């Protein structure tokens, strides 16, 4: 019980932006793990750039967790989240271009038909998967913007028990 109260106190002292950074850190690392599985499970490495999402995402996750520390000055948090967010967004953009180039190579020289497009999409790298890095990076970049404000409102008390009792009678 004491540990739960300490955790509540820590989150309350973080502020909403730092708490969100603390939550998004493991999420960035998880997306990197997903990229590792997609790039290397049962496959040879086709290009050294495939290592980038696998290496950058966990490091970005660790950086976000470190940036969420309450003792870190606000300016460091702002600059750090913008750097991490910009890096992840750039990684997502470059990944989308790489995946799009692979799809274009599969379609090269053949007439564009629905069947040909379906066949190329079935074997090409997923075109929108790097977009997860792009969107996560944009969100993290926005956390560092001093004009972005996140307000958390206390939840209203649950009234399910009273509503259920009225429905029964």
Protein backbone atom coordinates (compact mmCIF):
# COMPACT_ATOMS: atom_id res chain seq x y z
CA UNK A 1 0.00 0.00 0.00
CA UNK A 2 2.84 2.37 0.84
CA UNK A 3 4.45 1.70 -2.53
CA UNK A 4 1.20 2.60 -4.27
CA UNK A 5 0.95 5.87 -2.33
CA UNK A 6 4.58 6.70 -3.21
CA UNK A 7 3.83 6.00 -6.87
CA UNK A 8 0.79 8.29 -6.76
CA UNK A 9 2.88 11.00 -5.14
CA UNK A 10 5.61 10.63 -7.77
CA UNK A 11 3.15 10.89 -10.65
CA UNK A 12 1.39 13.84 -9.03
CA UNK A 13 4.72 15.67 -8.69
CA UNK A 14 5.78 14.95 -12.26
CA UNK A 15 3.23 17.07 -14.02
CA UNK A 16 1.24 15.85 -17.01
CA UNK A 17 3.96 16.32 -19.64
CA UNK A 18 6.61 14.46 -17.67
CA UNK A 19 4.13 11.72 -16.78
CA UNK A 20 3.30 11.33 -20.46
CA UNK A 21 7.02 11.18 -21.31
CA UNK A 22 7.41 8.48 -18.65
CA UNK A 23 4.64 6.45 -20.32
CA UNK A 24 5.84 7.03 -23.89
CA UNK A 25 9.42 5.93 -23.13
CA UNK A 26 8.63 2.22 -22.90
CA UNK A 27 6.28 2.63 -25.87
CA UNK A 28 9.15 3.88 -28.02
CA UNK A 29 11.27 0.92 -26.96
CA UNK A 30 8.40 -1.47 -27.76
CA UNK A 31 8.06 -0.06 -31.28
CA UNK A 32 11.79 -0.68 -31.70
CA UNK A 33 11.27 -4.29 -30.63
CA UNK A 34 8.50 -4.63 -33.18
CA UNK A 35 10.82 -3.24 -35.86
CA UNK A 36 13.49 -5.77 -34.83
CA UNK A 37 11.05 -8.64 -35.29
CA UNK A 38 9.80 -7.29 -38.61
CA UNK A 39 13.30 -6.67 -39.97
CA UNK A 40 15.18 -9.72 -38.74
CA UNK A 41 12.87 -12.61 -37.77
CA UNK A 42 13.84 -15.35 -40.20
CA UNK A 43 15.47 -12.92 -42.63
CA UNK A 44 18.92 -11.73 -43.56
CA UNK A 45 19.72 -8.06 -43.12
CA UNK A 46 19.01 -6.45 -46.50
CA UNK A 47 20.43 -3.02 -45.66
CA UNK A 48 22.40 -1.64 -42.69
CA UNK A 49 19.78 1.11 -42.28
CA UNK A 50 17.46 -1.60 -40.93
CA UNK A 51 19.42 -1.39 -37.70
CA UNK A 52 18.43 2.24 -37.12
CA UNK A 53 14.92 1.75 -35.71
CA UNK A 54 16.11 -1.22 -33.69
CA UNK A 55 18.87 0.80 -32.04
CA UNK A 56 17.40 4.31 -31.93
CA UNK A 57 13.99 3.44 -30.44
CA UNK A 58 15.22 1.85 -27.18
CA UNK A 59 17.73 4.67 -26.71
CA UNK A 60 14.96 7.21 -27.28
CA UNK A 61 12.81 5.36 -24.74
CA UNK A 62 15.57 5.49 -22.14
CA UNK A 63 16.12 9.18 -22.86
CA UNK A 64 12.42 9.90 -22.35
CA UNK A 65 12.38 8.08 -19.04
CA UNK A 66 15.44 10.06 -17.93
CA UNK A 67 13.91 13.34 -19.13
CA UNK A 68 10.81 12.68 -17.03
CA UNK A 69 12.85 12.97 -13.81
CA UNK A 70 11.28 15.70 -11.66
CA UNK A 71 14.67 17.12 -10.64
CA UNK A 72 15.66 17.83 -14.23
CA UNK A 73 15.27 21.53 -15.12
CA UNK A 74 12.33 22.43 -17.34
CA UNK A 75 14.60 23.75 -20.09
CA UNK A 76 16.39 20.39 -20.31
CA UNK A 77 13.03 18.62 -20.53
CA UNK A 78 11.87 20.92 -23.34
CA UNK A 79 15.07 20.61 -25.35
CA UNK A 80 15.45 16.89 -24.70
CA UNK A 81 11.91 15.98 -25.72
CA UNK A 82 12.21 18.08 -28.86
CA UNK A 83 15.49 16.37 -29.75
CA UNK A 84 14.11 12.87 -29.11
CA UNK A 85 10.86 13.68 -30.92
CA UNK A 86 12.66 15.18 -33.90
CA UNK A 87 14.97 12.17 -34.12
CA UNK A 88 12.07 9.70 -34.07
CA UNK A 89 10.09 11.75 -36.60
CA UNK A 90 13.10 11.89 -38.93
CA UNK A 91 13.60 8.15 -38.51
CA UNK A 92 9.96 7.54 -39.44
CA UNK A 93 10.22 9.77 -42.49
CA UNK A 94 13.37 8.06 -43.76
CA UNK A 95 11.85 4.63 -43.04
CA UNK A 96 8.75 5.50 -45.02
CA UNK A 97 10.94 6.56 -47.94
CA UNK A 98 12.93 3.30 -47.77
CA UNK A 99 9.75 1.22 -47.66
CA UNK A 100 8.21 3.25 -50.49
CA UNK A 101 11.34 2.78 -52.59
CA UNK A 102 11.16 -0.99 -52.09
CA UNK A 103 7.52 -0.99 -53.19
CA UNK A 104 8.36 1.14 -56.25
CA UNK A 105 11.11 -1.32 -57.21
CA UNK A 106 8.63 -4.19 -57.09
CA UNK A 107 6.24 -2.28 -59.35
CA UNK A 108 8.98 -1.15 -61.75
CA UNK A 109 8.53 -2.09 -65.39
CA UNK A 110 5.12 -3.70 -65.00
CA UNK A 111 1.82 -2.06 -65.82
CA UNK A 112 0.04 -0.80 -62.72
CA UNK A 113 -2.95 -3.04 -62.16
CA UNK A 114 -4.92 -3.88 -59.05
CA UNK A 115 -3.57 -7.44 -59.08
CA UNK A 116 0.01 -6.25 -59.56
CA UNK A 117 -0.35 -3.75 -56.73
CA UNK A 118 -1.78 -6.40 -54.41
CA UNK A 119 1.06 -8.79 -55.21
CA UNK A 120 3.68 -6.08 -54.64
CA UNK A 121 2.11 -5.00 -51.34
CA UNK A 122 2.06 -8.61 -50.16
CA UNK A 123 5.85 -8.95 -50.41
CA UNK A 124 7.00 -5.34 -49.93
CA UNK A 125 7.90 -3.95 -46.52
CA UNK A 126 4.86 -2.39 -44.83
CA UNK A 127 4.54 1.09 -46.25
CA UNK A 128 2.97 2.76 -43.21
CA UNK A 129 4.81 0.94 -40.40
CA UNK A 130 7.52 3.62 -40.10
CA UNK A 131 4.70 6.09 -39.62
CA UNK A 132 4.48 4.88 -36.03
CA UNK A 133 7.90 6.42 -35.45
CA UNK A 134 6.85 9.58 -37.25
CA UNK A 135 3.67 10.05 -35.22
CA UNK A 136 5.29 9.12 -31.91
CA UNK A 137 8.11 11.55 -32.68
CA UNK A 138 5.64 14.33 -33.47
CA UNK A 139 3.82 13.70 -30.18
CA UNK A 140 7.05 13.73 -28.18
CA UNK A 141 8.23 16.84 -30.05
CA UNK A 142 4.97 18.57 -29.06
CA UNK A 143 5.63 17.73 -25.40
CA UNK A 144 8.65 20.00 -25.56
CA UNK A 145 6.68 22.95 -26.88
CA UNK A 146 6.01 25.44 -24.08
CA UNK A 147 2.77 26.50 -25.82
CA UNK A 148 1.32 22.99 -25.55
CA UNK A 149 -0.52 22.66 -22.28
CA UNK A 150 -1.97 19.48 -20.85
CA UNK A 151 -4.48 19.79 -18.03
CA UNK A 152 -5.67 16.75 -16.15
CA UNK A 153 -9.07 16.96 -14.53
CA UNK A 154 -10.09 14.74 -11.62
CA UNK A 155 -12.49 12.04 -12.65
CA UNK A 156 -16.06 12.19 -11.47
CA UNK A 157 -16.92 9.51 -8.92
CA UNK A 158 -18.37 6.35 -10.39
CA UNK A 159 -22.12 6.07 -10.00
CA UNK A 160 -22.61 2.61 -11.40
CA UNK A 161 -23.78 1.02 -8.16
CA UNK A 162 -26.53 3.58 -7.66
CA UNK A 163 -27.65 3.40 -11.27
CA UNK A 164 -27.79 -0.40 -11.14
CA UNK A 165 -29.88 -0.35 -7.96
CA UNK A 166 -32.35 2.09 -9.55
CA UNK A 167 -32.62 -0.05 -12.67
CA UNK A 168 -33.46 -3.16 -10.62
CA UNK A 169 -36.27 -1.49 -8.65
